[in-house]
Amino acid sequence: MKIDWSKYIGQMLNITMNENYGVVFGKKESDQPQFYEIVFKTGKLTEAFEDGLLLEAVRDEHVVKIYVPLVSIKCVEIFDINE
């Protein structure tokens, strides 16, 4: 079943991801990299594409855009922020 994501543009999404991992490198070359599992992506849906969703969120007082491929999505919670 396919979802028409365009009707949810402007709403807040909380996406539970399939198994994806990230890495954070230390400031010094001797620091060990830290691996972590990316579990959630949260943001306002700004665009929907054939193969993914574009979210907008604020982190450290900066607006960031997050592209989430549809194949990476396990579950989505949709919040109507206009109510």
PDB file of N, CA and C in Angstrom:
ATOM      1  N   MET A   1       0.851  -1.180   0.000  1.00  0.00           N
ATOM      2  CA  MET A   1       0.000   0.000   0.000  1.00  0.00           C
ATOM      3  C   MET A   1       0.889   1.233   0.000  1.00  0.00           C
ATOM      4  N   LYS A   2       0.545   2.202  -0.812  1.00  0.00           N
ATOM      5  CA  LYS A   2       1.295   3.462  -0.864  1.00  0.00           C
ATOM      6  C   LYS A   2       0.493   4.553  -0.167  1.00  0.00           C
ATOM      7  N   ILE A   3       1.210   5.426   0.513  1.00  0.00           N
ATOM      8  CA  ILE A   3       0.588   6.539   1.237  1.00  0.00           C
ATOM      9  C   ILE A   3       0.806   7.815   0.444  1.00  0.00           C
ATOM     10  N   ASP A   4      -0.220   8.644   0.367  1.00  0.00           N
ATOM     11  CA  ASP A   4      -0.086   9.964  -0.247  1.00  0.00           C
ATOM     12  C   ASP A   4       0.439  10.915   0.835  1.00  0.00           C
ATOM     13  N   TRP A   5       1.775  11.029   0.914  1.00  0.00           N
ATOM     14  CA  TRP A   5       2.415  11.841   1.949  1.00  0.00           C
ATOM     15  C   TRP A   5       2.117  13.325   1.777  1.00  0.00           C
ATOM     16  N   SER A   6       1.732  13.751   0.584  1.00  0.00           N
ATOM     17  CA  SER A   6       1.506  15.186   0.345  1.00  0.00           C
ATOM     18  C   SER A   6       0.394  15.747   1.228  1.00  0.00           C
ATOM     19  N   LYS A   7      -0.552  14.923   1.643  1.00  0.00           N
ATOM     20  CA  LYS A   7      -1.621  15.446   2.506  1.00  0.00           C
ATOM     21  C   LYS A   7      -1.160  15.657   3.949  1.00  0.00           C
ATOM     22  N   TYR A   8       0.074  15.231   4.277  1.00  0.00           N
ATOM     23  CA  TYR A   8       0.621  15.433   5.618  1.00  0.00           C
ATOM     24  C   TYR A   8       1.693  16.521   5.668  1.00  0.00           C
ATOM     25  N   ILE A   9       1.914  17.221   4.558  1.00  0.00           N
ATOM     26  CA  ILE A   9       2.905  18.301   4.537  1.00  0.00           C
ATOM     27  C   ILE A   9       2.495  19.378   5.539  1.00  0.00           C
ATOM     28  N   GLY A  10       3.473  19.819   6.332  1.00  0.00           N
ATOM     29  CA  GLY A  10       3.218  20.810   7.370  1.00  0.00           C
ATOM     30  C   GLY A  10       2.943  20.193   8.730  1.00  0.00           C
ATOM     31  N   GLN A  11       2.812  18.870   8.783  1.00  0.00           N
ATOM     32  CA  GLN A  11       2.568  18.205  10.051  1.00  0.00           C
ATOM     33  C   GLN A  11       3.876  17.640  10.605  1.00  0.00           C
ATOM     34  N   MET A  12       3.902  17.412  11.901  1.00  0.00           N
ATOM     35  CA  MET A  12       5.081  16.903  12.586  1.00  0.00           C
ATOM     36  C   MET A  12       5.095  15.382  12.489  1.00  0.00           C
ATOM     37  N   LEU A  13       6.250  14.834  12.084  1.00  0.00           N
ATOM     38  CA  LEU A  13       6.411  13.388  11.998  1.00  0.00           C
ATOM     39  C   LEU A  13       7.460  12.921  12.994  1.00  0.00           C
ATOM     40  N   ASN A  14       7.198  11.805  13.624  1.00  0.00           N
ATOM     41  CA  ASN A  14       8.176  11.115  14.454  1.00  0.00           C
ATOM     42  C   ASN A  14       8.390   9.767  13.782  1.00  0.00           C
ATOM     43  N   ILE A  15       9.537   9.602  13.134  1.00  0.00           N
ATOM     44  CA  ILE A  15       9.821   8.409  12.340  1.00  0.00           C
ATOM     45  C   ILE A  15      10.706   7.461  13.131  1.00  0.00           C
ATOM     46  N   THR A  16      10.252   6.218  13.263  1.00  0.00           N
ATOM     47  CA  THR A  16      11.084   5.159  13.819  1.00  0.00           C
ATOM     48  C   THR A  16      11.798   4.525  12.631  1.00  0.00           C
ATOM     49  N   MET A  17      13.126   4.488  12.723  1.00  0.00           N
ATOM     50  CA  MET A  17      13.945   4.024  11.614  1.00  0.00           C
ATOM     51  C   MET A  17      14.196   2.522  11.705  1.00  0.00           C
ATOM     52  N   ASN A  18      14.400   1.896  10.539  1.00  0.00           N
ATOM     53  CA  ASN A  18      14.969   0.554  10.510  1.00  0.00           C
ATOM     54  C   ASN A  18      16.399   0.673  11.004  1.00  0.00           C
ATOM     55  N   GLU A  19      17.099  -0.402  11.115  1.00  0.00           N
ATOM     56  CA  GLU A  19      18.460  -0.381  11.661  1.00  0.00           C
ATOM     57  C   GLU A  19      19.388   0.477  10.811  1.00  0.00           C
ATOM     58  N   ASN A  20      19.726   1.645  11.320  1.00  0.00           N
ATOM     59  CA  ASN A  20      20.699   2.548  10.704  1.00  0.00           C
ATOM     60  C   ASN A  20      21.681   2.978  11.773  1.00  0.00           C
ATOM     61  N   TYR A  21      22.904   3.206  11.372  1.00  0.00           N
ATOM     62  CA  TYR A  21      23.934   3.547  12.341  1.00  0.00           C
ATOM     63  C   TYR A  21      24.684   4.795  11.906  1.00  0.00           C
ATOM     64  N   GLY A  22      25.170   5.539  12.888  1.00  0.00           N
ATOM     65  CA  GLY A  22      25.978   6.720  12.642  1.00  0.00           C
ATOM     66  C   GLY A  22      27.272   6.614  13.409  1.00  0.00           C
ATOM     67  N   VAL A  23      28.171   7.537  13.128  1.00  0.00           N
ATOM     68  CA  VAL A  23      29.452   7.553  13.828  1.00  0.00           C
ATOM     69  C   VAL A  23      29.815   8.997  14.135  1.00  0.00           C
ATOM     70  N   VAL A  24      30.381   9.214  15.326  1.00  0.00           N
ATOM     71  CA  VAL A  24      30.868  10.529  15.725  1.00  0.00           C
ATOM     72  C   VAL A  24      32.355  10.388  15.996  1.00  0.00           C
ATOM     73  N   PHE A  25      33.138  11.197  15.306  1.00  0.00           N
ATOM     74  CA  PHE A  25      34.580  11.173  15.496  1.00  0.00           C
ATOM     75  C   PHE A  25      34.977  12.221  16.524  1.00  0.00           C
ATOM     76  N   GLY A  26      35.986  11.917  17.338  1.00  0.00           N
ATOM     77  CA  GLY A  26      36.461  12.839  18.358  1.00  0.00           C
ATOM     78  C   GLY A  26      37.204  14.012  17.754  1.00  0.00           C
ATOM     79  N   LYS A  27      37.491  14.996  18.575  1.00  0.00           N
ATOM     80  CA  LYS A  27      38.210  16.187  18.115  1.00  0.00           C
ATOM     81  C   LYS A  27      39.685  15.909  17.887  1.00  0.00           C
ATOM     82  N   LYS A  28      40.229  14.945  18.654  1.00  0.00           N
ATOM     83  CA  LYS A  28      41.641  14.596  18.499  1.00  0.00           C
ATOM     84  C   LYS A  28      41.757  13.303  17.703  1.00  0.00           C
ATOM     85  N   GLU A  29      42.837  13.155  17.000  1.00  0.00           N
ATOM     86  CA  GLU A  29      43.047  11.962  16.197  1.00  0.00           C
ATOM     87  C   GLU A  29      43.095  10.697  17.050  1.00  0.00           C
ATOM     88  N   SER A  30      43.520  10.831  18.309  1.00  0.00           N
ATOM     89  CA  SER A  30      43.627   9.677  19.196  1.00  0.00           C
ATOM     90  C   SER A  30      42.276   9.246  19.789  1.00  0.00           C
ATOM     91  N   ASP A  31      41.234  10.093  19.655  1.00  0.00           N
ATOM     92  CA  ASP A  31      39.908   9.746  20.172  1.00  0.00           C
ATOM     93  C   ASP A  31      39.303   8.600  19.362  1.00  0.00           C
ATOM     94  N   GLN A  32      38.698   7.663  20.062  1.00  0.00           N
ATOM     95  CA  GLN A  32      38.034   6.545  19.397  1.00  0.00           C
ATOM     96  C   GLN A  32      36.683   7.016  18.843  1.00  0.00           C
ATOM     97  N   PRO A  33      36.316   6.598  17.626  1.00  0.00           N
ATOM     98  CA  PRO A  33      34.991   6.957  17.104  1.00  0.00           C
ATOM     99  C   PRO A  33      33.889   6.266  17.909  1.00  0.00           C
ATOM    100  N   GLN A  34      32.782   6.938  18.063  1.00  0.00           N
ATOM    101  CA  GLN A  34      31.640   6.409  18.801  1.00  0.00           C
ATOM    102  C   GLN A  34      30.540   6.043  17.804  1.00  0.00           C
ATOM    103  N   PHE A  35      30.127   4.795  17.807  1.00  0.00           N
ATOM    104  CA  PHE A  35      29.048   4.343  16.938  1.00  0.00           C
ATOM    105  C   PHE A  35      27.744   4.345  17.720  1.00  0.00           C
ATOM    106  N   TYR A  36      26.668   4.705  17.054  1.00  0.00           N
ATOM    107  CA  TYR A  36      25.372   4.741  17.717  1.00  0.00           C
ATOM    108  C   TYR A  36      24.284   4.355  16.723  1.00  0.00           C
ATOM    109  N   GLU A  37      23.187   3.842  17.253  1.00  0.00           N
ATOM    110  CA  GLU A  37      22.063   3.479  16.403  1.00  0.00           C
ATOM    111  C   GLU A  37      21.150   4.690  16.252  1.00  0.00           C
ATOM    112  N   ILE A  38      20.749   4.959  15.024  1.00  0.00           N
ATOM    113  CA  ILE A  38      19.812   6.044  14.742  1.00  0.00           C
ATOM    114  C   ILE A  38      18.413   5.441  14.839  1.00  0.00           C
ATOM    115  N   VAL A  39      17.672   5.814  15.873  1.00  0.00           N
ATOM    116  CA  VAL A  39      16.382   5.194  16.129  1.00  0.00           C
ATOM    117  C   VAL A  39      15.227   6.059  15.638  1.00  0.00           C
ATOM    118  N   PHE A  40      15.302   7.372  15.876  1.00  0.00           N
ATOM    119  CA  PHE A  40      14.205   8.270  15.530  1.00  0.00           C
ATOM    120  C   PHE A  40      14.690   9.449  14.695  1.00  0.00           C
ATOM    121  N   LYS A  41      13.820   9.939  13.852  1.00  0.00           N
ATOM    122  CA  LYS A  41      13.980  11.227  13.185  1.00  0.00           C
ATOM    123  C   LYS A  41      12.666  11.962  13.405  1.00  0.00           C
ATOM    124  N   THR A  42      12.753  13.202  13.853  1.00  0.00           N
ATOM    125  CA  THR A  42      11.553  13.996  14.127  1.00  0.00           C
ATOM    126  C   THR A  42      11.680  15.338  13.442  1.00  0.00           C
ATOM    127  N   GLY A  43      10.603  15.784  12.820  1.00  0.00           N
ATOM    128  CA  GLY A  43      10.592  17.090  12.189  1.00  0.00           C
ATOM    129  C   GLY A  43       9.293  17.332  11.455  1.00  0.00           C
ATOM    130  N   LYS A  44       9.155  18.541  10.938  1.00  0.00           N
ATOM    131  CA  LYS A  44       7.975  18.916  10.166  1.00  0.00           C
ATOM    132  C   LYS A  44       8.174  18.446   8.733  1.00  0.00           C
ATOM    133  N   LEU A  45       7.192  17.762   8.185  1.00  0.00           N
ATOM    134  CA  LEU A  45       7.265  17.295   6.801  1.00  0.00           C
ATOM    135  C   LEU A  45       7.147  18.496   5.872  1.00  0.00           C
ATOM    136  N   THR A  46       8.181  18.732   5.062  1.00  0.00           N
ATOM    137  CA  THR A  46       8.157  19.879   4.147  1.00  0.00           C
ATOM    138  C   THR A  46       7.973  19.462   2.692  1.00  0.00           C
ATOM    139  N   GLU A  47       8.443  18.271   2.340  1.00  0.00           N
ATOM    140  CA  GLU A  47       8.270  17.763   0.967  1.00  0.00           C
ATOM    141  C   GLU A  47       8.204  16.260   0.994  1.00  0.00           C
ATOM    142  N   ALA A  48       7.486  15.699   0.022  1.00  0.00           N
ATOM    143  CA  ALA A  48       7.401  14.253  -0.129  1.00  0.00           C
ATOM    144  C   ALA A  48       7.818  13.897  -1.551  1.00  0.00           C
ATOM    145  N   PHE A  49       8.714  12.946  -1.659  1.00  0.00           N
ATOM    146  CA  PHE A  49       9.223  12.499  -2.949  1.00  0.00           C
ATOM    147  C   PHE A  49       8.807  11.061  -3.185  1.00  0.00           C
ATOM    148  N   GLU A  50       9.018  10.579  -4.378  1.00  0.00           N
ATOM    149  CA  GLU A  50       8.678   9.205  -4.727  1.00  0.00           C
ATOM    150  C   GLU A  50       9.431   8.199  -3.847  1.00  0.00           C
ATOM    151  N   ASP A  51      10.649   8.570  -3.438  1.00  0.00           N
ATOM    152  CA  ASP A  51      11.490   7.629  -2.696  1.00  0.00           C
ATOM    153  C   ASP A  51      11.865   8.081  -1.286  1.00  0.00           C
ATOM    154  N   GLY A  52      11.295   9.183  -0.805  1.00  0.00           N
ATOM    155  CA  GLY A  52      11.651   9.634   0.534  1.00  0.00           C
ATOM    156  C   GLY A  52      10.898  10.868   0.981  1.00  0.00           C
ATOM    157  N   LEU A  53      11.156  11.253   2.226  1.00  0.00           N
ATOM    158  CA  LEU A  53      10.513  12.413   2.842  1.00  0.00           C
ATOM    159  C   LEU A  53      11.565  13.418   3.274  1.00  0.00           C
ATOM    160  N   LEU A  54      11.229  14.703   3.185  1.00  0.00           N
ATOM    161  CA  LEU A  54      12.118  15.762   3.644  1.00  0.00           C
ATOM    162  C   LEU A  54      11.497  16.413   4.875  1.00  0.00           C
ATOM    163  N   LEU A  55      12.222  16.334   5.987  1.00  0.00           N
ATOM    164  CA  LEU A  55      11.776  16.928   7.247  1.00  0.00           C
ATOM    165  C   LEU A  55      12.578  18.176   7.541  1.00  0.00           C
ATOM    166  N   GLU A  56      12.005  19.069   8.326  1.00  0.00           N
ATOM    167  CA  GLU A  56      12.702  20.259   8.799  1.00  0.00           C
ATOM    168  C   GLU A  56      12.639  20.265  10.318  1.00  0.00           C
ATOM    169  N   ALA A  57      13.796  20.468  10.946  1.00  0.00           N
ATOM    170  CA  ALA A  57      13.873  20.476  12.411  1.00  0.00           C
ATOM    171  C   ALA A  57      14.853  21.556  12.852  1.00  0.00           C
ATOM    172  N   VAL A  58      14.817  21.886  14.128  1.00  0.00           N
ATOM    173  CA  VAL A  58      15.740  22.861  14.702  1.00  0.00           C
ATOM    174  C   VAL A  58      16.674  22.125  15.657  1.00  0.00           C
ATOM    175  N   ARG A  59      17.986  22.282  15.443  1.00  0.00           N
ATOM    176  CA  ARG A  59      18.996  21.689  16.320  1.00  0.00           C
ATOM    177  C   ARG A  59      20.039  22.743  16.625  1.00  0.00           C
ATOM    178  N   ASP A  60      20.316  22.928  17.883  1.00  0.00           N
ATOM    179  CA  ASP A  60      21.316  23.910  18.311  1.00  0.00           C
ATOM    180  C   ASP A  60      21.066  25.265  17.667  1.00  0.00           C
ATOM    181  N   GLU A  61      19.798  25.667  17.649  1.00  0.00           N
ATOM    182  CA  GLU A  61      19.360  26.962  17.119  1.00  0.00           C
ATOM    183  C   GLU A  61      19.583  27.106  15.617  1.00  0.00           C
ATOM    184  N   HIS A  62      19.751  25.994  14.909  1.00  0.00           N
ATOM    185  CA  HIS A  62      19.900  26.000  13.451  1.00  0.00           C
ATOM    186  C   HIS A  62      18.800  25.146  12.831  1.00  0.00           C
ATOM    187  N   VAL A  63      18.248  25.615  11.723  1.00  0.00           N
ATOM    188  CA  VAL A  63      17.261  24.831  10.993  1.00  0.00           C
ATOM    189  C   VAL A  63      18.027  23.827  10.133  1.00  0.00           C
ATOM    190  N   VAL A  64      17.649  22.558  10.253  1.00  0.00           N
ATOM    191  CA  VAL A  64      18.276  21.509   9.449  1.00  0.00           C
ATOM    192  C   VAL A  64      17.205  20.794   8.649  1.00  0.00           C
ATOM    193  N   LYS A  65      17.576  20.349   7.465  1.00  0.00           N
ATOM    194  CA  LYS A  65      16.698  19.558   6.611  1.00  0.00           C
ATOM    195  C   LYS A  65      17.188  18.123   6.680  1.00  0.00           C
ATOM    196  N   ILE A  66      16.265  17.196   6.833  1.00  0.00           N
ATOM    197  CA  ILE A  66      16.595  15.779   6.985  1.00  0.00           C
ATOM    198  C   ILE A  66      15.872  15.007   5.892  1.00  0.00           C
ATOM    199  N   TYR A  67      16.629  14.326   5.049  1.00  0.00           N
ATOM    200  CA  TYR A  67      16.032  13.470   4.033  1.00  0.00           C
ATOM    201  C   TYR A  67      15.988  12.049   4.571  1.00  0.00           C
ATOM    202  N   VAL A  68      14.807  11.437   4.554  1.00  0.00           N
ATOM    203  CA  VAL A  68      14.637  10.074   5.047  1.00  0.00           C
ATOM    204  C   VAL A  68      14.131   9.205   3.894  1.00  0.00           C
ATOM    205  N   PRO A  69      14.953   8.276   3.413  1.00  0.00           N
ATOM    206  CA  PRO A  69      14.482   7.361   2.363  1.00  0.00           C
ATOM    207  C   PRO A  69      13.336   6.492   2.893  1.00  0.00           C
ATOM    208  N   LEU A  70      12.347   6.235   2.066  1.00  0.00           N
ATOM    209  CA  LEU A  70      11.204   5.431   2.492  1.00  0.00           C
ATOM    210  C   LEU A  70      11.620   4.039   2.946  1.00  0.00           C
ATOM    211  N   VAL A  71      12.659   3.470   2.344  1.00  0.00           N
ATOM    212  CA  VAL A  71      13.100   2.121   2.728  1.00  0.00           C
ATOM    213  C   VAL A  71      13.685   2.090   4.138  1.00  0.00           C
ATOM    214  N   SER A  72      14.023   3.252   4.708  1.00  0.00           N
ATOM    215  CA  SER A  72      14.585   3.324   6.061  1.00  0.00           C
ATOM    216  C   SER A  72      13.515   3.469   7.142  1.00  0.00           C
ATOM    217  N   ILE A  73      12.265   3.628   6.730  1.00  0.00           N
ATOM    218  CA  ILE A  73      11.189   3.900   7.678  1.00  0.00           C
ATOM    219  C   ILE A  73      10.542   2.603   8.155  1.00  0.00           C
ATOM    220  N   LYS A  74      10.466   2.485   9.479  1.00  0.00           N
ATOM    221  CA  LYS A  74       9.807   1.336  10.093  1.00  0.00           C
ATOM    222  C   LYS A  74       8.378   1.700  10.494  1.00  0.00           C
ATOM    223  N   CYS A  75       8.221   2.905  11.077  1.00  0.00           N
ATOM    224  CA  CYS A  75       6.923   3.350  11.585  1.00  0.00           C
ATOM    225  C   CYS A  75       6.914   4.876  11.622  1.00  0.00           C
ATOM    226  N   VAL A  76       5.730   5.492  11.427  1.00  0.00           N
ATOM    227  CA  VAL A  76       5.622   6.951  11.470  1.00  0.00           C
ATOM    228  C   VAL A  76       4.442   7.356  12.364  1.00  0.00           C
ATOM    229  N   GLU A  77       4.715   8.282  13.281  1.00  0.00           N
ATOM    230  CA  GLU A  77       3.662   8.923  14.054  1.00  0.00           C
ATOM    231  C   GLU A  77       3.460  10.305  13.452  1.00  0.00           C
ATOM    232  N   ILE A  78       2.210  10.677  13.207  1.00  0.00           N
ATOM    233  CA  ILE A  78       1.893  11.956  12.571  1.00  0.00           C
ATOM    234  C   ILE A  78       1.118  12.813  13.565  1.00  0.00           C
ATOM    235  N   PHE A  79       1.636  14.029  13.818  1.00  0.00           N
ATOM    236  CA  PHE A  79       1.010  14.959  14.748  1.00  0.00           C
ATOM    237  C   PHE A  79       0.546  16.180  13.978  1.00  0.00           C
ATOM    238  N   ASP A  80      -0.705  16.554  14.153  1.00  0.00           N
ATOM    239  CA  ASP A  80      -1.236  17.750  13.518  1.00  0.00           C
ATOM    240  C   ASP A  80      -0.865  18.952  14.384  1.00  0.00           C
ATOM    241  N   ILE A  81       0.123  19.744  13.932  1.00  0.00           N
ATOM    242  CA  ILE A  81       0.583  20.881  14.737  1.00  0.00           C
ATOM    243  C   ILE A  81      -0.283  22.118  14.524  1.00  0.00           C
ATOM    244  N   ASN A  82      -1.297  22.017  13.662  1.00  0.00           N
ATOM    245  CA  ASN A  82      -2.172  23.161  13.391  1.00  0.00           C
ATOM    246  C   ASN A  82      -3.349  23.217  14.348  1.00  0.00           C
ATOM    247  N   GLU A  83      -3.529  22.195  15.184  1.00  0.00           N
ATOM    248  CA  GLU A  83      -4.664  22.190  16.113  1.00  0.00           C
ATOM    249  C   GLU A  83      -4.324  22.891  17.396  1.00  0.00           C
TER     250      GLU A  83
END
